PDB file of all heavy atoms in Angstrom:
ATOM      1  N   ILE A   1     -10.980  11.079 -17.403  1.00  0.00           N
ATOM      2  CA  ILE A   1     -11.691   9.951 -17.942  1.00  0.00           C
ATOM      3  C   ILE A   1     -12.910   9.596 -16.983  1.00  0.00           C
ATOM      4  O   ILE A   1     -12.704   9.601 -15.744  1.00  0.00           O
ATOM      5  CB  ILE A   1     -10.723   8.755 -18.033  1.00  0.00           C
ATOM      6  CG1 ILE A   1      -9.685   9.027 -19.065  1.00  0.00           C
ATOM      7  CG2 ILE A   1     -11.526   7.424 -18.336  1.00  0.00           C
ATOM      8  CD1 ILE A   1      -8.625   7.993 -19.154  1.00  0.00           C
ATOM      9  N   PRO A   2     -14.064   9.385 -17.534  1.00  0.00           N
ATOM     10  CA  PRO A   2     -15.212   9.074 -16.628  1.00  0.00           C
ATOM     11  C   PRO A   2     -15.016   7.962 -15.724  1.00  0.00           C
ATOM     12  O   PRO A   2     -14.449   6.922 -16.066  1.00  0.00           O
ATOM     13  CB  PRO A   2     -16.314   8.770 -17.680  1.00  0.00           C
ATOM     14  CG  PRO A   2     -15.871   9.403 -18.982  1.00  0.00           C
ATOM     15  CD  PRO A   2     -14.397   9.319 -18.935  1.00  0.00           C
ATOM     16  N   LYS A   3     -15.480   8.120 -14.507  1.00  0.00           N
ATOM     17  CA  LYS A   3     -15.380   7.035 -13.492  1.00  0.00           C
ATOM     18  C   LYS A   3     -16.088   5.795 -13.858  1.00  0.00           C
ATOM     19  O   LYS A   3     -17.236   5.918 -14.367  1.00  0.00           O
ATOM     20  CB  LYS A   3     -15.816   7.591 -12.123  1.00  0.00           C
ATOM     21  CG  LYS A   3     -14.929   8.628 -11.522  1.00  0.00           C
ATOM     22  CD  LYS A   3     -15.448   9.099 -10.136  1.00  0.00           C
ATOM     23  CE  LYS A   3     -14.492  10.133  -9.531  1.00  0.00           C
ATOM     24  NZ  LYS A   3     -14.949  10.577  -8.252  1.00  0.00           N
ATOM     25  N   GLY A   4     -15.551   4.657 -13.648  1.00  0.00           N
ATOM     26  CA  GLY A   4     -16.263   3.447 -13.984  1.00  0.00           C
ATOM     27  C   GLY A   4     -16.087   3.010 -15.426  1.00  0.00           C
ATOM     28  O   GLY A   4     -16.572   1.945 -15.857  1.00  0.00           O
ATOM     29  N   SER A   5     -15.299   3.777 -16.239  1.00  0.00           N
ATOM     30  CA  SER A   5     -15.119   3.445 -17.567  1.00  0.00           C
ATOM     31  C   SER A   5     -14.063   2.322 -17.730  1.00  0.00           C
ATOM     32  O   SER A   5     -13.155   2.262 -16.904  1.00  0.00           O
ATOM     33  CB  SER A   5     -14.615   4.653 -18.408  1.00  0.00           C
ATOM     34  OG  SER A   5     -15.602   5.669 -18.375  1.00  0.00           O
ATOM     35  N   SER A   6     -14.223   1.509 -18.747  1.00  0.00           N
ATOM     36  CA  SER A   6     -13.261   0.417 -18.985  1.00  0.00           C
ATOM     37  C   SER A   6     -12.281   0.888 -19.987  1.00  0.00           C
ATOM     38  O   SER A   6     -12.349   0.564 -21.208  1.00  0.00           O
ATOM     39  CB  SER A   6     -14.025  -0.833 -19.510  1.00  0.00           C
ATOM     40  OG  SER A   6     -13.116  -1.832 -19.750  1.00  0.00           O
ATOM     41  N   TRP A   7     -11.266   1.673 -19.568  1.00  0.00           N
ATOM     42  CA  TRP A   7     -10.178   2.133 -20.374  1.00  0.00           C
ATOM     43  C   TRP A   7      -8.940   1.318 -20.077  1.00  0.00           C
ATOM     44  O   TRP A   7      -8.588   1.084 -18.917  1.00  0.00           O
ATOM     45  CB  TRP A   7      -9.902   3.648 -20.167  1.00  0.00           C
ATOM     46  CG  TRP A   7     -10.949   4.530 -20.749  1.00  0.00           C
ATOM     47  CD1 TRP A   7     -12.327   4.458 -20.559  1.00  0.00           C
ATOM     48  CD2 TRP A   7     -10.706   5.663 -21.562  1.00  0.00           C
ATOM     49  NE1 TRP A   7     -12.916   5.479 -21.166  1.00  0.00           N
ATOM     50  CE2 TRP A   7     -11.991   6.247 -21.781  1.00  0.00           C
ATOM     51  CE3 TRP A   7      -9.560   6.262 -22.019  1.00  0.00           C
ATOM     52  CZ2 TRP A   7     -12.149   7.388 -22.558  1.00  0.00           C
ATOM     53  CZ3 TRP A   7      -9.731   7.431 -22.786  1.00  0.00           C
ATOM     54  CH2 TRP A   7     -11.004   7.950 -23.052  1.00  0.00           C
ATOM     55  N   ASN A   8      -8.252   0.904 -21.154  1.00  0.00           N
ATOM     56  CA  ASN A   8      -7.056   0.103 -21.002  1.00  0.00           C
ATOM     57  C   ASN A   8      -5.834   0.843 -21.559  1.00  0.00           C
ATOM     58  O   ASN A   8      -5.902   1.356 -22.654  1.00  0.00           O
ATOM     59  CB  ASN A   8      -7.176  -1.244 -21.782  1.00  0.00           C
ATOM     60  CG  ASN A   8      -8.418  -2.012 -21.365  1.00  0.00           C
ATOM     61  OD1 ASN A   8      -8.394  -2.710 -20.393  1.00  0.00           O
ATOM     62  ND2 ASN A   8      -9.529  -1.833 -22.133  1.00  0.00           N
ATOM     63  N   GLN A   9      -4.790   1.029 -20.715  1.00  0.00           N
ATOM     64  CA  GLN A   9      -3.648   1.820 -21.095  1.00  0.00           C
ATOM     65  C   GLN A   9      -2.432   0.940 -21.428  1.00  0.00           C
ATOM     66  O   GLN A   9      -2.212  -0.087 -20.786  1.00  0.00           O
ATOM     67  CB  GLN A   9      -3.254   2.735 -19.872  1.00  0.00           C
ATOM     68  CG  GLN A   9      -4.372   3.628 -19.381  1.00  0.00           C
ATOM     69  CD  GLN A   9      -4.366   4.893 -20.163  1.00  0.00           C
ATOM     70  OE1 GLN A   9      -3.509   5.283 -20.893  1.00  0.00           O
ATOM     71  NE2 GLN A   9      -5.475   5.721 -19.958  1.00  0.00           N
ATOM     72  N   TYR A  10      -1.725   1.245 -22.512  1.00  0.00           N
ATOM     73  CA  TYR A  10      -0.580   0.505 -22.914  1.00  0.00           C
ATOM     74  C   TYR A  10       0.662   1.418 -23.081  1.00  0.00           C
ATOM     75  O   TYR A  10       0.515   2.552 -23.651  1.00  0.00           O
ATOM     76  CB  TYR A  10      -0.869  -0.257 -24.204  1.00  0.00           C
ATOM     77  CG  TYR A  10      -2.098  -1.075 -24.185  1.00  0.00           C
ATOM     78  CD1 TYR A  10      -3.330  -0.539 -24.603  1.00  0.00           C
ATOM     79  CD2 TYR A  10      -2.112  -2.373 -23.701  1.00  0.00           C
ATOM     80  CE1 TYR A  10      -4.490  -1.309 -24.581  1.00  0.00           C
ATOM     81  CE2 TYR A  10      -3.197  -3.139 -23.649  1.00  0.00           C
ATOM     82  CZ  TYR A  10      -4.442  -2.604 -24.024  1.00  0.00           C
ATOM     83  OH  TYR A  10      -5.583  -3.372 -23.983  1.00  0.00           O
ATOM     84  N   LYS A  11       1.790   0.998 -22.667  1.00  0.00           N
ATOM     85  CA  LYS A  11       3.009   1.791 -22.780  1.00  0.00           C
ATOM     86  C   LYS A  11       3.427   1.953 -24.258  1.00  0.00           C
ATOM     87  O   LYS A  11       4.042   2.954 -24.641  1.00  0.00           O
ATOM     88  CB  LYS A  11       4.131   1.154 -21.998  1.00  0.00           C
ATOM     89  CG  LYS A  11       3.879   1.170 -20.488  1.00  0.00           C
ATOM     90  CD  LYS A  11       5.022   0.517 -19.743  1.00  0.00           C
ATOM     91  CE  LYS A  11       4.761   0.467 -18.236  1.00  0.00           C
ATOM     92  NZ  LYS A  11       5.889  -0.202 -17.542  1.00  0.00           N
ATOM     93  N   ASN A  12       3.125   1.005 -25.050  1.00  0.00           N
ATOM     94  CA  ASN A  12       3.457   0.980 -26.443  1.00  0.00           C
ATOM     95  C   ASN A  12       2.627  -0.060 -27.218  1.00  0.00           C
ATOM     96  O   ASN A  12       1.876  -0.841 -26.605  1.00  0.00           O
ATOM     97  CB  ASN A  12       4.959   0.706 -26.684  1.00  0.00           C
ATOM     98  CG  ASN A  12       5.445  -0.563 -25.908  1.00  0.00           C
ATOM     99  OD1 ASN A  12       4.879  -1.645 -26.057  1.00  0.00           O
ATOM    100  ND2 ASN A  12       6.465  -0.390 -25.094  1.00  0.00           N
ATOM    101  N   VAL A  13       2.787  -0.076 -28.493  1.00  0.00           N
ATOM    102  CA  VAL A  13       2.001  -0.968 -29.332  1.00  0.00           C
ATOM    103  C   VAL A  13       2.374  -2.448 -29.122  1.00  0.00           C
ATOM    104  O   VAL A  13       1.505  -3.350 -29.303  1.00  0.00           O
ATOM    105  CB  VAL A  13       2.129  -0.616 -30.841  1.00  0.00           C
ATOM    106  CG1 VAL A  13       3.509  -0.994 -31.405  1.00  0.00           C
ATOM    107  CG2 VAL A  13       1.052  -1.261 -31.673  1.00  0.00           C
ATOM    108  N   TYR A  14       3.581  -2.738 -28.655  1.00  0.00           N
ATOM    109  CA  TYR A  14       4.018  -4.060 -28.448  1.00  0.00           C
ATOM    110  C   TYR A  14       3.233  -4.659 -27.281  1.00  0.00           C
ATOM    111  O   TYR A  14       2.837  -5.828 -27.261  1.00  0.00           O
ATOM    112  CB  TYR A  14       5.524  -4.132 -28.177  1.00  0.00           C
ATOM    113  CG  TYR A  14       6.305  -3.550 -29.303  1.00  0.00           C
ATOM    114  CD1 TYR A  14       6.864  -2.236 -29.180  1.00  0.00           C
ATOM    115  CD2 TYR A  14       6.508  -4.230 -30.506  1.00  0.00           C
ATOM    116  CE1 TYR A  14       7.602  -1.701 -30.234  1.00  0.00           C
ATOM    117  CE2 TYR A  14       7.236  -3.603 -31.530  1.00  0.00           C
ATOM    118  CZ  TYR A  14       7.764  -2.445 -31.402  1.00  0.00           C
ATOM    119  OH  TYR A  14       8.487  -1.823 -32.474  1.00  0.00           O
ATOM    120  N   GLU A  15       3.103  -3.881 -26.183  1.00  0.00           N
ATOM    121  CA  GLU A  15       2.320  -4.301 -25.053  1.00  0.00           C
ATOM    122  C   GLU A  15       0.886  -4.569 -25.433  1.00  0.00           C
ATOM    123  O   GLU A  15       0.209  -5.576 -24.984  1.00  0.00           O
ATOM    124  CB  GLU A  15       2.429  -3.231 -23.919  1.00  0.00           C
ATOM    125  CG  GLU A  15       1.640  -3.674 -22.640  1.00  0.00           C
ATOM    126  CD  GLU A  15       1.730  -2.647 -21.541  1.00  0.00           C
ATOM    127  OE1 GLU A  15       2.066  -1.469 -21.872  1.00  0.00           O
ATOM    128  OE2 GLU A  15       1.476  -3.042 -20.411  1.00  0.00           O
ATOM    129  N   PHE A  16       0.337  -3.663 -26.283  1.00  0.00           N
ATOM    130  CA  PHE A  16      -1.050  -3.836 -26.713  1.00  0.00           C
ATOM    131  C   PHE A  16      -1.208  -5.187 -27.482  1.00  0.00           C
ATOM    132  O   PHE A  16      -2.169  -5.919 -27.254  1.00  0.00           O
ATOM    133  CB  PHE A  16      -1.425  -2.684 -27.665  1.00  0.00           C
ATOM    134  CG  PHE A  16      -2.682  -2.972 -28.492  1.00  0.00           C
ATOM    135  CD1 PHE A  16      -3.929  -2.777 -27.864  1.00  0.00           C
ATOM    136  CD2 PHE A  16      -2.633  -3.244 -29.782  1.00  0.00           C
ATOM    137  CE1 PHE A  16      -5.097  -3.042 -28.590  1.00  0.00           C
ATOM    138  CE2 PHE A  16      -3.747  -3.462 -30.533  1.00  0.00           C
ATOM    139  CZ  PHE A  16      -5.043  -3.365 -29.910  1.00  0.00           C
ATOM    140  N   MET A  17      -0.218  -5.500 -28.328  1.00  0.00           N
ATOM    141  CA  MET A  17      -0.316  -6.741 -29.118  1.00  0.00           C
ATOM    142  C   MET A  17      -0.207  -7.964 -28.201  1.00  0.00           C
ATOM    143  O   MET A  17      -0.877  -8.942 -28.430  1.00  0.00           O
ATOM    144  CB  MET A  17       0.809  -6.784 -30.159  1.00  0.00           C
ATOM    145  CG  MET A  17       0.584  -5.848 -31.357  1.00  0.00           C
ATOM    146  SD  MET A  17      -1.060  -6.166 -32.138  1.00  0.00           S
ATOM    147  CE  MET A  17      -0.892  -7.914 -32.504  1.00  0.00           C
ATOM    148  N   ARG A  18       0.604  -7.901 -27.165  1.00  0.00           N
ATOM    149  CA  ARG A  18       0.639  -9.070 -26.227  1.00  0.00           C
ATOM    150  C   ARG A  18      -0.712  -9.366 -25.562  1.00  0.00           C
ATOM    151  O   ARG A  18      -1.129 -10.455 -25.415  1.00  0.00           O
ATOM    152  CB  ARG A  18       1.711  -8.828 -25.158  1.00  0.00           C
ATOM    153  CG  ARG A  18       3.170  -8.918 -25.718  1.00  0.00           C
ATOM    154  CD  ARG A  18       4.203  -9.056 -24.585  1.00  0.00           C
ATOM    155  NE  ARG A  18       4.170  -7.846 -23.747  1.00  0.00           N
ATOM    156  CZ  ARG A  18       4.982  -6.773 -23.956  1.00  0.00           C
ATOM    157  NH1 ARG A  18       5.785  -6.751 -25.007  1.00  0.00           N
ATOM    158  NH2 ARG A  18       4.991  -5.736 -23.131  1.00  0.00           N
ATOM    159  N   VAL A  19      -1.353  -8.190 -25.166  1.00  0.00           N
ATOM    160  CA  VAL A  19      -2.687  -8.361 -24.530  1.00  0.00           C
ATOM    161  C   VAL A  19      -3.732  -8.821 -25.526  1.00  0.00           C
ATOM    162  O   VAL A  19      -4.545  -9.707 -25.201  1.00  0.00           O
ATOM    163  CB  VAL A  19      -3.113  -7.023 -23.929  1.00  0.00           C
ATOM    164  CG1 VAL A  19      -4.516  -7.080 -23.373  1.00  0.00           C
ATOM    165  CG2 VAL A  19      -2.170  -6.601 -22.759  1.00  0.00           C
ATOM    166  N   LEU A  20      -3.659  -8.321 -26.700  1.00  0.00           N
ATOM    167  CA  LEU A  20      -4.612  -8.691 -27.742  1.00  0.00           C
ATOM    168  C   LEU A  20      -4.470 -10.207 -28.075  1.00  0.00           C
ATOM    169  O   LEU A  20      -5.486 -10.925 -28.251  1.00  0.00           O
ATOM    170  CB  LEU A  20      -4.367  -7.895 -29.010  1.00  0.00           C
ATOM    171  CG  LEU A  20      -5.233  -8.303 -30.226  1.00  0.00           C
ATOM    172  CD1 LEU A  20      -6.761  -8.163 -29.908  1.00  0.00           C
ATOM    173  CD2 LEU A  20      -4.891  -7.413 -31.447  1.00  0.00           C
ATOM    174  N   LYS A  21      -3.201 -10.693 -28.150  1.00  0.00           N
ATOM    175  CA  LYS A  21      -2.940 -12.079 -28.447  1.00  0.00           C
ATOM    176  C   LYS A  21      -3.560 -12.992 -27.384  1.00  0.00           C
ATOM    177  O   LYS A  21      -4.125 -13.981 -27.656  1.00  0.00           O
ATOM    178  CB  LYS A  21      -1.439 -12.296 -28.565  1.00  0.00           C
ATOM    179  CG  LYS A  21      -1.079 -13.722 -29.038  1.00  0.00           C
ATOM    180  CD  LYS A  21       0.407 -13.904 -29.124  1.00  0.00           C
ATOM    181  CE  LYS A  21       0.766 -15.301 -29.573  1.00  0.00           C
ATOM    182  NZ  LYS A  21       2.251 -15.451 -29.727  1.00  0.00           N
ATOM    183  N   ASP A  22      -3.410 -12.552 -26.153  1.00  0.00           N
ATOM    184  CA  ASP A  22      -3.975 -13.378 -25.031  1.00  0.00           C
ATOM    185  C   ASP A  22      -5.486 -13.292 -24.972  1.00  0.00           C
ATOM    186  O   ASP A  22      -6.137 -14.329 -24.717  1.00  0.00           O
ATOM    187  CB  ASP A  22      -3.381 -12.905 -23.644  1.00  0.00           C
ATOM    188  CG  ASP A  22      -1.909 -13.154 -23.540  1.00  0.00           C
ATOM    189  OD1 ASP A  22      -1.400 -14.046 -24.284  1.00  0.00           O
ATOM    190  OD2 ASP A  22      -1.230 -12.445 -22.757  1.00  0.00           O
ATOM    191  N   ALA A  23      -6.055 -12.109 -25.209  1.00  0.00           N
ATOM    192  CA  ALA A  23      -7.473 -11.987 -25.117  1.00  0.00           C
ATOM    193  C   ALA A  23      -8.170 -12.491 -26.333  1.00  0.00           C
ATOM    194  O   ALA A  23      -9.311 -13.025 -26.230  1.00  0.00           O
ATOM    195  CB  ALA A  23      -7.826 -10.479 -24.959  1.00  0.00           C
ATOM    196  N   GLY A  24      -7.641 -12.369 -27.512  1.00  0.00           N
ATOM    197  CA  GLY A  24      -8.245 -12.933 -28.772  1.00  0.00           C
ATOM    198  C   GLY A  24      -9.217 -11.900 -29.407  1.00  0.00           C
ATOM    199  O   GLY A  24      -9.578 -12.103 -30.588  1.00  0.00           O
ATOM    200  N   SER A  25      -9.697 -10.987 -28.635  1.00  0.00           N
ATOM    201  CA  SER A  25     -10.671  -9.999 -29.217  1.00  0.00           C
ATOM    202  C   SER A  25     -10.655  -8.698 -28.390  1.00  0.00           C
ATOM    203  O   SER A  25     -10.019  -8.637 -27.286  1.00  0.00           O
ATOM    204  CB  SER A  25     -12.076 -10.560 -29.233  1.00  0.00           C
ATOM    205  OG  SER A  25     -12.522 -10.845 -27.904  1.00  0.00           O
ATOM    206  N   LEU A  26     -11.295  -7.713 -28.891  1.00  0.00           N
ATOM    207  CA  LEU A  26     -11.341  -6.376 -28.180  1.00  0.00           C
ATOM    208  C   LEU A  26     -12.651  -5.941 -27.760  1.00  0.00           C
ATOM    209  O   LEU A  26     -13.619  -6.194 -28.452  1.00  0.00           O
ATOM    210  CB  LEU A  26     -10.687  -5.286 -29.184  1.00  0.00           C
ATOM    211  CG  LEU A  26      -9.229  -5.341 -29.527  1.00  0.00           C
ATOM    212  CD1 LEU A  26      -8.877  -4.202 -30.432  1.00  0.00           C
ATOM    213  CD2 LEU A  26      -8.352  -5.226 -28.228  1.00  0.00           C
ATOM    214  N   LYS A  27     -12.706  -5.264 -26.643  1.00  0.00           N
ATOM    215  CA  LYS A  27     -13.930  -4.568 -26.212  1.00  0.00           C
ATOM    216  C   LYS A  27     -13.422  -3.326 -25.452  1.00  0.00           C
ATOM    217  O   LYS A  27     -12.314  -3.192 -24.951  1.00  0.00           O
ATOM    218  CB  LYS A  27     -14.700  -5.391 -25.196  1.00  0.00           C
ATOM    219  CG  LYS A  27     -15.351  -6.609 -25.776  1.00  0.00           C
ATOM    220  CD  LYS A  27     -16.194  -7.405 -24.808  1.00  0.00           C
ATOM    221  CE  LYS A  27     -16.843  -8.599 -25.396  1.00  0.00           C
ATOM    222  NZ  LYS A  27     -17.677  -9.378 -24.357  1.00  0.00           N
ATOM    223  N   GLY A  28     -14.288  -2.307 -25.494  1.00  0.00           N
ATOM    224  CA  GLY A  28     -13.917  -1.082 -24.733  1.00  0.00           C
ATOM    225  C   GLY A  28     -12.983  -0.199 -25.412  1.00  0.00           C
ATOM    226  O   GLY A  28     -12.880  -0.167 -26.649  1.00  0.00           O
ATOM    227  N   VAL A  29     -12.196   0.588 -24.598  1.00  0.00           N
ATOM    228  CA  VAL A  29     -11.319   1.541 -25.086  1.00  0.00           C
ATOM    229  C   VAL A  29      -9.856   1.210 -24.795  1.00  0.00           C
ATOM    230  O   VAL A  29      -9.576   0.806 -23.688  1.00  0.00           O
ATOM    231  CB  VAL A  29     -11.573   2.957 -24.379  1.00  0.00           C
ATOM    232  CG1 VAL A  29     -10.702   4.056 -24.979  1.00  0.00           C
ATOM    233  CG2 VAL A  29     -13.065   3.314 -24.571  1.00  0.00           C
ATOM    234  N   HIS A  30      -8.978   1.364 -25.859  1.00  0.00           N
ATOM    235  CA  HIS A  30      -7.603   0.948 -25.687  1.00  0.00           C
ATOM    236  C   HIS A  30      -6.735   2.120 -26.082  1.00  0.00           C
ATOM    237  O   HIS A  30      -6.755   2.567 -27.243  1.00  0.00           O
ATOM    238  CB  HIS A  30      -7.316  -0.285 -26.569  1.00  0.00           C
ATOM    239  CG  HIS A  30      -8.194  -1.418 -26.234  1.00  0.00           C
ATOM    240  ND1 HIS A  30      -7.836  -2.423 -25.335  1.00  0.00           N
ATOM    241  CD2 HIS A  30      -9.460  -1.740 -26.611  1.00  0.00           C
ATOM    242  CE1 HIS A  30      -8.864  -3.299 -25.189  1.00  0.00           C
ATOM    243  NE2 HIS A  30      -9.810  -2.877 -25.915  1.00  0.00           N
ATOM    244  N   VAL A  31      -5.884   2.621 -25.138  1.00  0.00           N
ATOM    245  CA  VAL A  31      -5.053   3.830 -25.288  1.00  0.00           C
ATOM    246  C   VAL A  31      -3.629   3.328 -25.429  1.00  0.00           C
ATOM    247  O   VAL A  31      -3.112   2.806 -24.470  1.00  0.00           O
ATOM    248  CB  VAL A  31      -5.245   4.785 -24.130  1.00  0.00           C
ATOM    249  CG1 VAL A  31      -4.380   6.004 -24.428  1.00  0.00           C
ATOM    250  CG2 VAL A  31      -6.721   5.115 -23.976  1.00  0.00           C
ATOM    251  N   ILE A  32      -3.034   3.602 -26.624  1.00  0.00           N
ATOM    252  CA  ILE A  32      -1.640   3.226 -26.868  1.00  0.00           C
ATOM    253  C   ILE A  32      -0.795   4.482 -26.879  1.00  0.00           C
ATOM    254  O   ILE A  32      -1.001   5.376 -27.722  1.00  0.00           O
ATOM    255  CB  ILE A  32      -1.529   2.495 -28.203  1.00  0.00           C
ATOM    256  CG1 ILE A  32      -2.452   1.263 -28.224  1.00  0.00           C
ATOM    257  CG2 ILE A  32      -0.065   2.028 -28.424  1.00  0.00           C
ATOM    258  CD1 ILE A  32      -2.467   0.537 -29.590  1.00  0.00           C
ATOM    259  N   SER A  33       0.172   4.561 -25.998  1.00  0.00           N
ATOM    260  CA  SER A  33       1.106   5.711 -25.951  1.00  0.00           C
ATOM    261  C   SER A  33       1.948   5.678 -27.211  1.00  0.00           C
ATOM    262  O   SER A  33       2.599   4.652 -27.556  1.00  0.00           O
ATOM    263  CB  SER A  33       1.984   5.601 -24.740  1.00  0.00           C
ATOM    264  OG  SER A  33       1.191   5.874 -23.591  1.00  0.00           O
ATOM    265  N   CYS A  34       2.068   6.811 -27.868  1.00  0.00           N
ATOM    266  CA  CYS A  34       2.929   6.947 -29.067  1.00  0.00           C
ATOM    267  C   CYS A  34       3.811   8.162 -28.863  1.00  0.00           C
ATOM    268  O   CYS A  34       3.394   9.318 -28.899  1.00  0.00           O
ATOM    269  CB  CYS A  34       2.037   7.134 -30.326  1.00  0.00           C
ATOM    270  SG  CYS A  34       1.163   5.628 -30.814  1.00  0.00           S
ATOM    271  N   ASN A  35       5.060   7.889 -28.689  1.00  0.00           N
ATOM    272  CA  ASN A  35       6.020   8.991 -28.371  1.00  0.00           C
ATOM    273  C   ASN A  35       6.924   9.323 -29.577  1.00  0.00           C
ATOM    274  O   ASN A  35       7.587  10.352 -29.536  1.00  0.00           O
ATOM    275  CB  ASN A  35       6.887   8.613 -27.143  1.00  0.00           C
ATOM    276  CG  ASN A  35       6.025   8.346 -25.987  1.00  0.00           C
ATOM    277  OD1 ASN A  35       5.198   9.153 -25.590  1.00  0.00           O
ATOM    278  ND2 ASN A  35       6.283   7.181 -25.304  1.00  0.00           N
ATOM    279  N   THR A  36       6.912   8.505 -30.588  1.00  0.00           N
ATOM    280  CA  THR A  36       7.785   8.695 -31.731  1.00  0.00           C
ATOM    281  C   THR A  36       7.028   8.443 -33.050  1.00  0.00           C
ATOM    282  O   THR A  36       5.980   7.904 -33.047  1.00  0.00           O
ATOM    283  CB  THR A  36       9.012   7.754 -31.686  1.00  0.00           C
ATOM    284  OG1 THR A  36       8.592   6.434 -31.963  1.00  0.00           O
ATOM    285  CG2 THR A  36       9.725   7.756 -30.399  1.00  0.00           C
ATOM    286  N   ILE A  37       7.665   8.898 -34.101  1.00  0.00           N
ATOM    287  CA  ILE A  37       7.069   8.679 -35.437  1.00  0.00           C
ATOM    288  C   ILE A  37       6.984   7.163 -35.741  1.00  0.00           C
ATOM    289  O   ILE A  37       5.992   6.696 -36.284  1.00  0.00           O
ATOM    290  CB  ILE A  37       7.897   9.406 -36.516  1.00  0.00           C
ATOM    291  CG1 ILE A  37       7.793  10.896 -36.388  1.00  0.00           C
ATOM    292  CG2 ILE A  37       7.469   8.998 -37.890  1.00  0.00           C
ATOM    293  CD1 ILE A  37       8.758  11.682 -37.261  1.00  0.00           C
ATOM    294  N   ASN A  38       7.973   6.406 -35.242  1.00  0.00           N
ATOM    295  CA  ASN A  38       7.997   4.977 -35.506  1.00  0.00           C
ATOM    296  C   ASN A  38       6.731   4.289 -34.809  1.00  0.00           C
ATOM    297  O   ASN A  38       6.236   3.324 -35.304  1.00  0.00           O
ATOM    298  CB  ASN A  38       9.266   4.372 -35.016  1.00  0.00           C
ATOM    299  CG  ASN A  38      10.431   4.756 -35.956  1.00  0.00           C
ATOM    300  OD1 ASN A  38      10.248   5.030 -37.082  1.00  0.00           O
ATOM    301  ND2 ASN A  38      11.659   4.649 -35.384  1.00  0.00           N
ATOM    302  N   ASP A  39       6.415   4.832 -33.661  1.00  0.00           N
ATOM    303  CA  ASP A  39       5.217   4.244 -32.925  1.00  0.00           C
ATOM    304  C   ASP A  39       3.997   4.326 -33.814  1.00  0.00           C
ATOM    305  O   ASP A  39       3.208   3.384 -33.891  1.00  0.00           O
ATOM    306  CB  ASP A  39       4.989   4.998 -31.623  1.00  0.00           C
ATOM    307  CG  ASP A  39       6.043   4.699 -30.579  1.00  0.00           C
ATOM    308  OD1 ASP A  39       6.713   3.697 -30.668  1.00  0.00           O
ATOM    309  OD2 ASP A  39       6.273   5.564 -29.660  1.00  0.00           O
ATOM    310  N   TYR A  40       3.752   5.510 -34.404  1.00  0.00           N
ATOM    311  CA  TYR A  40       2.596   5.656 -35.329  1.00  0.00           C
ATOM    312  C   TYR A  40       2.757   4.822 -36.496  1.00  0.00           C
ATOM    313  O   TYR A  40       1.783   4.118 -36.984  1.00  0.00           O
ATOM    314  CB  TYR A  40       2.510   7.126 -35.735  1.00  0.00           C
ATOM    315  CG  TYR A  40       1.791   8.016 -34.719  1.00  0.00           C
ATOM    316  CD1 TYR A  40       2.561   8.812 -33.867  1.00  0.00           C
ATOM    317  CD2 TYR A  40       0.458   8.122 -34.631  1.00  0.00           C
ATOM    318  CE1 TYR A  40       1.959   9.582 -32.932  1.00  0.00           C
ATOM    319  CE2 TYR A  40      -0.159   8.924 -33.709  1.00  0.00           C
ATOM    320  CZ  TYR A  40       0.617   9.666 -32.835  1.00  0.00           C
ATOM    321  OH  TYR A  40      -0.025  10.471 -31.922  1.00  0.00           O
TER     322      TYR A  40
END
């Protein structure tokens, strides 16, 4: 990943949703780990 990039990593979609709820909006890149069919 390019140095200085604003990439946000999440262990799962639930963690992503908690951050989104607090932030209220999105900017940049958000990487959600998906390890199972249910995650997708």
